[in-house]
Amino acid sequence: MKPINDALKILLLVVAIFALAELGLFFRDMRSAARETTATMAEAKATISELRDYSREQLARLRDPRGVGQAVEHPEAPSLADLLGQEKFLPPVGGDRFVGLDPPESGVPVA
């Protein structure tokens, strides 16, 4: 009976050691989560402050009477020829054996 009691005491001691280690890991994870939460809250506060400043600027612009009678600028629309800008056009048929464009041929397909 004594060896069984000794084995149970050792087993209980090992379980207690593992439980304490697990508790230590739990508290370490809680500290890490608390630090991350604090950093996230600080970032959220900074974002809210920036949004508040931006909304105040926009309200000040809306309330400014000087902007009521100003004309709207109408920029000149670019022509369609400049749609591709400085890009090159497609090569002609047979211009490059890897990149080519086969123009459609007129006719009726025969099956």
Protein backbone atom coordinates (compact mmCIF):
# COMPACT_ATOMS: atom_id res chain seq x y z
CA MET A 1 0.00 0.00 0.00
CA LYS A 2 2.92 2.33 0.72
CA PRO A 3 4.31 2.17 -2.86
CA ILE A 4 0.87 3.02 -4.26
CA ASN A 5 0.59 6.02 -1.91
CA ASP A 6 4.08 7.19 -2.91
CA ALA A 7 3.28 6.83 -6.61
CA LEU A 8 0.04 8.78 -6.15
CA LYS A 9 1.88 11.55 -4.28
CA ILE A 10 4.47 11.80 -7.06
CA LEU A 11 1.73 11.83 -9.68
CA LEU A 12 -0.12 14.55 -7.74
CA LEU A 13 3.11 16.58 -7.51
CA VAL A 14 3.67 16.27 -11.28
CA VAL A 15 0.06 17.35 -11.95
CA ALA A 16 0.49 20.34 -9.63
CA ILE A 17 3.70 21.36 -11.43
CA PHE A 18 1.98 21.15 -14.83
CA ALA A 19 -1.00 23.10 -13.52
CA LEU A 20 1.26 25.88 -12.24
CA ALA A 21 3.12 25.98 -15.55
CA GLU A 22 -0.17 26.19 -17.45
CA LEU A 23 -1.33 28.97 -15.14
CA GLY A 24 1.89 30.88 -15.81
CA LEU A 25 1.39 30.52 -19.58
CA PHE A 26 -2.20 31.70 -19.21
CA PHE A 27 -1.13 34.88 -17.38
CA ARG A 28 1.61 35.51 -19.95
CA ASP A 29 -0.96 35.27 -22.74
CA MET A 30 -3.28 37.59 -20.85
CA ARG A 31 -0.51 40.20 -20.50
CA SER A 32 0.23 39.94 -24.21
CA ALA A 33 -3.44 40.35 -25.09
CA ALA A 34 -3.72 43.34 -22.75
CA ARG A 35 -0.71 45.02 -24.44
CA GLU A 36 -2.20 44.43 -27.89
CA THR A 37 -5.55 45.80 -26.74
CA THR A 38 -3.87 48.89 -25.32
CA ALA A 39 -2.01 49.49 -28.58
CA THR A 40 -5.20 49.02 -30.60
CA MET A 41 -7.08 51.45 -28.38
CA ALA A 42 -4.33 54.06 -28.76
CA GLU A 43 -4.48 53.65 -32.54
CA ALA A 44 -8.28 53.96 -32.49
CA LYS A 45 -8.06 57.14 -30.40
CA ALA A 46 -5.57 58.66 -32.86
CA THR A 47 -7.83 57.77 -35.80
CA ILE A 48 -10.87 59.27 -34.09
CA SER A 49 -8.91 62.45 -33.38
CA GLU A 50 -7.87 62.72 -37.05
CA LEU A 51 -11.47 62.15 -38.20
CA ARG A 52 -12.71 64.81 -35.79
CA ASP A 53 -10.18 67.33 -37.12
CA TYR A 54 -11.07 66.46 -40.72
CA SER A 55 -14.81 66.83 -40.10
CA ARG A 56 -14.23 70.22 -38.45
CA GLU A 57 -12.24 71.37 -41.49
CA GLN A 58 -14.98 70.20 -43.85
CA LEU A 59 -17.69 71.93 -41.82
CA ALA A 60 -15.65 75.14 -41.83
CA ARG A 61 -15.40 74.92 -45.64
CA LEU A 62 -19.15 74.36 -45.97
CA ARG A 63 -19.91 77.36 -43.77
CA ASP A 64 -17.49 79.64 -45.66
CA PRO A 65 -19.58 82.13 -47.70
CA ARG A 66 -16.66 82.96 -50.03
CA GLY A 67 -17.01 79.65 -51.86
CA VAL A 68 -20.64 80.15 -52.87
CA GLY A 69 -20.21 82.33 -55.97
CA GLN A 70 -16.97 80.88 -57.32
CA ALA A 71 -17.04 79.43 -60.82
CA VAL A 72 -16.37 75.77 -61.47
CA GLU A 73 -13.32 75.01 -63.58
CA HIS A 74 -13.98 72.97 -66.72
CA PRO A 75 -10.76 71.28 -67.80
CA GLU A 76 -10.30 70.47 -71.47
CA ALA A 77 -11.19 66.88 -72.28
CA PRO A 78 -8.38 64.83 -73.84
CA SER A 79 -8.88 63.64 -77.39
CA LEU A 80 -9.54 59.99 -78.12
CA ALA A 81 -6.33 59.76 -80.15
CA ASP A 82 -4.33 60.19 -76.96
CA LEU A 83 -6.21 57.41 -75.20
CA LEU A 84 -3.20 55.07 -75.26
CA GLY A 85 -0.75 57.86 -74.48
CA GLN A 86 2.81 56.90 -75.36
CA GLU A 87 2.04 53.19 -75.72
CA LYS A 88 2.87 51.48 -79.00
CA PHE A 89 0.13 50.19 -81.26
CA LEU A 90 -0.22 46.51 -82.08
CA PRO A 91 2.32 45.21 -84.59
CA PRO A 92 1.16 44.58 -88.16
CA VAL A 93 0.47 41.08 -89.42
CA GLY A 94 3.72 39.14 -89.35
CA GLY A 95 5.51 41.98 -87.55
CA ASP A 96 6.53 39.70 -84.75
CA ARG A 97 6.11 35.95 -84.84
CA PHE A 98 5.24 35.74 -81.12
CA VAL A 99 2.82 38.68 -81.02
CA GLY A 100 0.55 39.15 -83.99
CA LEU A 101 -2.92 40.19 -84.90
CA ASP A 102 -4.79 38.32 -87.59
CA PRO A 103 -7.35 40.72 -89.11
CA PRO A 104 -10.72 39.21 -89.89
CA GLU A 105 -11.18 38.07 -93.48
CA SER A 106 -14.35 38.88 -95.31
CA GLY A 107 -16.36 35.92 -96.49
CA VAL A 108 -18.84 33.30 -95.44
CA PRO A 109 -17.59 30.28 -93.48
CA VAL A 110 -18.23 27.00 -95.26
CA ALA A 111 -18.78 23.90 -93.17
